[in-house]
N, C-alpha and C. Protein backbone atom coordinates (compact mmCIF):
# COMPACT_ATOMS: atom_id res chain seq x y z
N MET A 1 0.85 -1.16 0.00
CA MET A 1 0.00 0.00 0.00
C MET A 1 0.90 1.22 0.00
N GLN A 2 0.52 2.19 -0.81
CA GLN A 2 1.34 3.40 -0.94
C GLN A 2 0.48 4.63 -0.65
N TYR A 3 0.98 5.47 0.28
CA TYR A 3 0.31 6.73 0.56
C TYR A 3 0.83 7.78 -0.41
N ILE A 4 -0.09 8.51 -1.02
CA ILE A 4 0.22 9.51 -2.03
C ILE A 4 0.14 10.89 -1.39
N HIS A 5 1.16 11.73 -1.66
CA HIS A 5 1.21 13.04 -1.03
C HIS A 5 1.17 14.20 -2.03
N SER A 6 1.07 13.88 -3.33
CA SER A 6 0.98 14.94 -4.32
C SER A 6 0.38 14.39 -5.61
N LYS A 7 -0.10 15.29 -6.43
CA LYS A 7 -0.65 14.90 -7.73
C LYS A 7 0.43 14.24 -8.59
N GLU A 8 1.62 14.78 -8.54
CA GLU A 8 2.73 14.23 -9.33
C GLU A 8 3.09 12.81 -8.88
N GLU A 9 3.09 12.61 -7.58
CA GLU A 9 3.38 11.28 -7.03
C GLU A 9 2.30 10.28 -7.47
N PHE A 10 1.05 10.71 -7.48
CA PHE A 10 -0.06 9.87 -7.93
C PHE A 10 0.10 9.50 -9.40
N GLU A 11 0.38 10.49 -10.24
CA GLU A 11 0.53 10.23 -11.67
C GLU A 11 1.68 9.26 -11.93
N GLN A 12 2.78 9.41 -11.19
CA GLN A 12 3.92 8.50 -11.34
C GLN A 12 3.55 7.09 -10.89
N ALA A 13 2.81 6.98 -9.80
CA ALA A 13 2.40 5.67 -9.30
C ALA A 13 1.50 4.97 -10.31
N LEU A 14 0.61 5.72 -10.95
CA LEU A 14 -0.24 5.13 -11.99
C LEU A 14 0.58 4.63 -13.16
N LYS A 15 1.58 5.40 -13.56
CA LYS A 15 2.44 5.00 -14.68
C LYS A 15 3.27 3.76 -14.34
N ASP A 16 3.76 3.71 -13.11
CA ASP A 16 4.65 2.63 -12.70
C ASP A 16 3.95 1.30 -12.45
N ALA A 17 2.67 1.37 -12.10
CA ALA A 17 1.94 0.16 -11.72
C ALA A 17 1.48 -0.61 -12.96
N ASN A 18 1.43 -1.91 -12.80
CA ASN A 18 0.88 -2.77 -13.84
C ASN A 18 -0.30 -3.54 -13.27
N GLY A 19 -1.20 -3.95 -14.12
CA GLY A 19 -2.33 -4.74 -13.65
C GLY A 19 -3.39 -3.88 -13.00
N ILE A 20 -3.88 -4.34 -11.86
CA ILE A 20 -5.00 -3.68 -11.18
C ILE A 20 -4.48 -2.67 -10.16
N ILE A 21 -5.09 -1.49 -10.17
CA ILE A 21 -4.77 -0.42 -9.23
C ILE A 21 -6.06 0.00 -8.54
N LEU A 22 -6.03 0.04 -7.22
CA LEU A 22 -7.13 0.59 -6.44
C LEU A 22 -6.64 1.88 -5.81
N ALA A 23 -7.35 2.96 -6.03
CA ALA A 23 -7.00 4.25 -5.43
C ALA A 23 -8.10 4.63 -4.45
N ASP A 24 -7.74 4.71 -3.19
CA ASP A 24 -8.68 5.03 -2.11
C ASP A 24 -8.56 6.51 -1.77
N PHE A 25 -9.59 7.27 -2.12
CA PHE A 25 -9.67 8.68 -1.73
C PHE A 25 -10.38 8.71 -0.39
N PHE A 26 -9.68 9.19 0.64
CA PHE A 26 -10.18 9.11 2.01
C PHE A 26 -9.83 10.39 2.77
N ALA A 27 -10.29 10.46 4.02
CA ALA A 27 -9.88 11.51 4.95
C ALA A 27 -9.70 10.87 6.32
N THR A 28 -8.78 11.40 7.09
CA THR A 28 -8.49 10.82 8.40
C THR A 28 -9.67 10.95 9.36
N TRP A 29 -10.53 11.91 9.17
CA TRP A 29 -11.66 12.14 10.06
C TRP A 29 -12.91 11.35 9.64
N CYS A 30 -12.86 10.65 8.53
CA CYS A 30 -14.02 9.97 7.94
C CYS A 30 -14.20 8.57 8.54
N TRP A 31 -15.30 8.35 9.24
CA TRP A 31 -15.55 7.06 9.87
C TRP A 31 -15.65 5.92 8.86
N PRO A 32 -16.44 6.02 7.78
CA PRO A 32 -16.48 4.93 6.80
C PRO A 32 -15.10 4.65 6.19
N CYS A 33 -14.29 5.69 6.03
CA CYS A 33 -12.92 5.49 5.52
C CYS A 33 -12.12 4.63 6.48
N LYS A 34 -12.29 4.88 7.77
CA LYS A 34 -11.58 4.10 8.78
C LYS A 34 -12.07 2.65 8.78
N MET A 35 -13.34 2.44 8.45
CA MET A 35 -13.89 1.09 8.42
C MET A 35 -13.28 0.26 7.29
N ILE A 36 -13.03 0.87 6.14
CA ILE A 36 -12.50 0.07 5.02
C ILE A 36 -10.97 0.03 4.98
N ALA A 37 -10.31 0.85 5.77
CA ALA A 37 -8.85 0.87 5.76
C ALA A 37 -8.25 -0.51 6.03
N PRO A 38 -8.71 -1.25 7.06
CA PRO A 38 -8.13 -2.58 7.28
C PRO A 38 -8.44 -3.56 6.14
N ILE A 39 -9.57 -3.37 5.49
CA ILE A 39 -9.94 -4.23 4.35
C ILE A 39 -8.95 -4.01 3.21
N LEU A 40 -8.65 -2.75 2.92
CA LEU A 40 -7.71 -2.46 1.84
C LEU A 40 -6.30 -2.91 2.20
N GLU A 41 -5.94 -2.84 3.49
CA GLU A 41 -4.64 -3.34 3.92
C GLU A 41 -4.55 -4.85 3.70
N GLU A 42 -5.63 -5.57 4.03
CA GLU A 42 -5.67 -7.02 3.80
C GLU A 42 -5.54 -7.35 2.32
N ILE A 43 -6.29 -6.64 1.50
CA ILE A 43 -6.23 -6.87 0.06
C ILE A 43 -4.82 -6.63 -0.45
N SER A 44 -4.19 -5.58 0.03
CA SER A 44 -2.83 -5.27 -0.38
C SER A 44 -1.86 -6.39 0.01
N ARG A 45 -2.02 -6.94 1.21
CA ARG A 45 -1.15 -8.03 1.67
C ARG A 45 -1.45 -9.34 0.93
N GLU A 46 -2.72 -9.65 0.74
CA GLU A 46 -3.12 -10.91 0.13
C GLU A 46 -2.94 -10.93 -1.38
N HIS A 47 -2.91 -9.77 -2.00
CA HIS A 47 -2.78 -9.67 -3.45
C HIS A 47 -1.63 -8.71 -3.79
N PRO A 48 -0.39 -9.15 -3.63
CA PRO A 48 0.74 -8.25 -3.89
C PRO A 48 0.82 -7.77 -5.34
N GLU A 49 0.11 -8.45 -6.23
CA GLU A 49 0.09 -8.02 -7.63
C GLU A 49 -0.81 -6.80 -7.86
N ILE A 50 -1.59 -6.43 -6.86
CA ILE A 50 -2.49 -5.27 -6.94
C ILE A 50 -1.83 -4.09 -6.27
N THR A 51 -1.88 -2.95 -6.91
CA THR A 51 -1.36 -1.71 -6.34
C THR A 51 -2.50 -0.99 -5.63
N VAL A 52 -2.31 -0.71 -4.35
CA VAL A 52 -3.31 0.02 -3.58
C VAL A 52 -2.70 1.38 -3.21
N LEU A 53 -3.37 2.42 -3.64
CA LEU A 53 -2.93 3.79 -3.38
C LEU A 53 -3.90 4.44 -2.41
N LYS A 54 -3.38 5.20 -1.46
CA LYS A 54 -4.22 5.93 -0.49
C LYS A 54 -3.98 7.42 -0.68
N ILE A 55 -5.06 8.16 -0.94
CA ILE A 55 -4.96 9.59 -1.17
C ILE A 55 -5.85 10.32 -0.16
N ASP A 56 -5.24 11.09 0.72
CA ASP A 56 -5.98 11.89 1.69
C ASP A 56 -6.49 13.14 0.97
N VAL A 57 -7.79 13.26 0.87
CA VAL A 57 -8.39 14.37 0.09
C VAL A 57 -8.10 15.73 0.71
N ASP A 58 -7.82 15.76 2.00
CA ASP A 58 -7.47 17.04 2.64
C ASP A 58 -6.04 17.44 2.32
N GLU A 59 -5.19 16.46 2.11
CA GLU A 59 -3.78 16.73 1.83
C GLU A 59 -3.54 17.00 0.34
N VAL A 60 -4.22 16.26 -0.52
CA VAL A 60 -4.01 16.37 -1.97
C VAL A 60 -5.32 16.85 -2.61
N GLN A 61 -5.67 18.08 -2.27
CA GLN A 61 -6.95 18.64 -2.69
C GLN A 61 -7.08 18.80 -4.20
N ASP A 62 -5.99 19.13 -4.88
CA ASP A 62 -6.07 19.31 -6.33
C ASP A 62 -6.41 18.00 -7.03
N LEU A 63 -5.91 16.89 -6.53
CA LEU A 63 -6.22 15.59 -7.11
C LEU A 63 -7.67 15.21 -6.82
N ALA A 64 -8.13 15.49 -5.62
CA ALA A 64 -9.53 15.22 -5.27
C ALA A 64 -10.47 16.03 -6.15
N GLN A 65 -10.11 17.27 -6.43
CA GLN A 65 -10.92 18.10 -7.32
C GLN A 65 -10.90 17.56 -8.74
N GLU A 66 -9.73 17.15 -9.21
CA GLU A 66 -9.61 16.63 -10.57
C GLU A 66 -10.49 15.38 -10.76
N TYR A 67 -10.55 14.53 -9.74
CA TYR A 67 -11.35 13.32 -9.83
C TYR A 67 -12.78 13.53 -9.31
N GLU A 68 -13.11 14.78 -9.06
CA GLU A 68 -14.47 15.17 -8.65
C GLU A 68 -14.97 14.36 -7.45
N ILE A 69 -14.12 14.25 -6.44
CA ILE A 69 -14.48 13.53 -5.24
C ILE A 69 -15.40 14.41 -4.41
N SER A 70 -16.65 13.99 -4.28
CA SER A 70 -17.60 14.76 -3.49
C SER A 70 -18.04 14.00 -2.24
N SER A 71 -17.80 12.69 -2.21
CA SER A 71 -18.11 11.86 -1.05
C SER A 71 -16.96 10.88 -0.85
N ILE A 72 -16.71 10.59 0.40
CA ILE A 72 -15.64 9.64 0.69
C ILE A 72 -16.16 8.57 1.65
N PRO A 73 -15.58 7.40 1.59
CA PRO A 73 -14.50 6.99 0.71
C PRO A 73 -14.98 6.80 -0.73
N THR A 74 -14.09 7.07 -1.66
CA THR A 74 -14.31 6.76 -3.06
C THR A 74 -13.12 5.94 -3.53
N ILE A 75 -13.42 4.81 -4.14
CA ILE A 75 -12.39 3.91 -4.65
C ILE A 75 -12.45 3.93 -6.18
N TYR A 76 -11.34 4.29 -6.80
CA TYR A 76 -11.20 4.20 -8.25
C TYR A 76 -10.40 2.95 -8.57
N ILE A 77 -10.79 2.26 -9.64
CA ILE A 77 -10.09 1.03 -10.04
C ILE A 77 -9.66 1.13 -11.50
N TRP A 78 -8.38 0.85 -11.72
CA TRP A 78 -7.82 0.78 -13.08
C TRP A 78 -7.34 -0.63 -13.33
N LYS A 79 -7.38 -1.05 -14.58
CA LYS A 79 -6.72 -2.28 -15.00
C LYS A 79 -5.93 -1.95 -16.25
N ASN A 80 -4.66 -2.27 -16.22
CA ASN A 80 -3.76 -1.99 -17.35
C ASN A 80 -3.89 -0.54 -17.81
N HIS A 81 -3.90 0.36 -16.85
CA HIS A 81 -3.90 1.81 -17.08
C HIS A 81 -5.21 2.35 -17.64
N GLU A 82 -6.27 1.56 -17.61
CA GLU A 82 -7.59 2.03 -18.04
C GLU A 82 -8.51 2.07 -16.83
N LEU A 83 -9.15 3.21 -16.61
CA LEU A 83 -10.11 3.32 -15.52
C LEU A 83 -11.29 2.41 -15.83
N THR A 84 -11.58 1.49 -14.91
CA THR A 84 -12.67 0.54 -15.15
C THR A 84 -13.93 0.91 -14.39
N ASP A 85 -13.76 1.47 -13.18
CA ASP A 85 -14.95 1.79 -12.38
C ASP A 85 -14.55 2.58 -11.15
N TRP A 86 -15.55 3.05 -10.43
CA TRP A 86 -15.33 3.68 -9.13
C TRP A 86 -16.55 3.44 -8.27
N TYR A 87 -16.30 3.43 -6.97
CA TYR A 87 -17.36 3.13 -6.00
C TYR A 87 -17.27 4.14 -4.87
N VAL A 88 -18.42 4.63 -4.45
CA VAL A 88 -18.50 5.58 -3.35
C VAL A 88 -19.13 4.87 -2.17
N GLY A 89 -18.48 4.97 -1.02
CA GLY A 89 -19.02 4.36 0.19
C GLY A 89 -18.16 3.22 0.66
N ALA A 90 -18.52 2.70 1.82
CA ALA A 90 -17.80 1.59 2.43
C ALA A 90 -18.53 0.29 2.15
N TYR A 91 -17.78 -0.69 1.68
CA TYR A 91 -18.34 -2.00 1.35
C TYR A 91 -17.52 -3.08 2.07
N PRO A 92 -18.11 -4.27 2.24
CA PRO A 92 -17.35 -5.35 2.87
C PRO A 92 -16.24 -5.87 1.94
N LYS A 93 -15.32 -6.61 2.53
CA LYS A 93 -14.17 -7.11 1.79
C LYS A 93 -14.59 -7.92 0.57
N ASP A 94 -15.61 -8.76 0.69
CA ASP A 94 -15.99 -9.60 -0.45
C ASP A 94 -16.48 -8.78 -1.65
N PHE A 95 -17.00 -7.59 -1.42
CA PHE A 95 -17.39 -6.71 -2.53
C PHE A 95 -16.15 -6.36 -3.36
N TYR A 96 -15.09 -5.92 -2.70
CA TYR A 96 -13.85 -5.55 -3.41
C TYR A 96 -13.20 -6.78 -4.03
N GLU A 97 -13.24 -7.91 -3.32
CA GLU A 97 -12.69 -9.15 -3.86
C GLU A 97 -13.40 -9.54 -5.16
N GLN A 98 -14.72 -9.42 -5.18
CA GLN A 98 -15.49 -9.75 -6.40
C GLN A 98 -15.11 -8.82 -7.53
N LYS A 99 -14.94 -7.54 -7.25
CA LYS A 99 -14.56 -6.59 -8.29
C LYS A 99 -13.18 -6.93 -8.86
N ILE A 100 -12.27 -7.30 -7.96
CA ILE A 100 -10.93 -7.67 -8.38
C ILE A 100 -10.98 -8.94 -9.25
N GLN A 101 -11.74 -9.94 -8.78
CA GLN A 101 -11.85 -11.19 -9.53
C GLN A 101 -12.46 -10.98 -10.91
N SER A 102 -13.40 -10.06 -11.02
CA SER A 102 -14.03 -9.81 -12.33
C SER A 102 -13.04 -9.18 -13.31
N LEU A 103 -11.98 -8.56 -12.81
CA LEU A 103 -10.98 -7.94 -13.67
C LEU A 103 -9.81 -8.88 -13.97
N SER A 104 -9.70 -9.94 -13.22
CA SER A 104 -8.55 -10.86 -13.40
C SER A 104 -8.71 -11.75 -14.61
């Protein structure tokens, strides 16, 4: 799991990653964000082939604006550098696992 601290760092991480990328737009004060954080950590550990990026919307506001983040948590998913989908809200681990499996 990689914490992103700037728009440039995010763009580089997207370029460097291969396969599936999950980008979690979150805030430290957001309760639903805190609920899914351990789920994303598990996914990152169990699926080392998946790149998990964490973007604090308060810290990297320009990126949050660019991706039109109006509610958090918001998860964006790319496969092979193509945006495939995004989800707003907190979901159980099996929801994310199913999304990952559908892209594999």
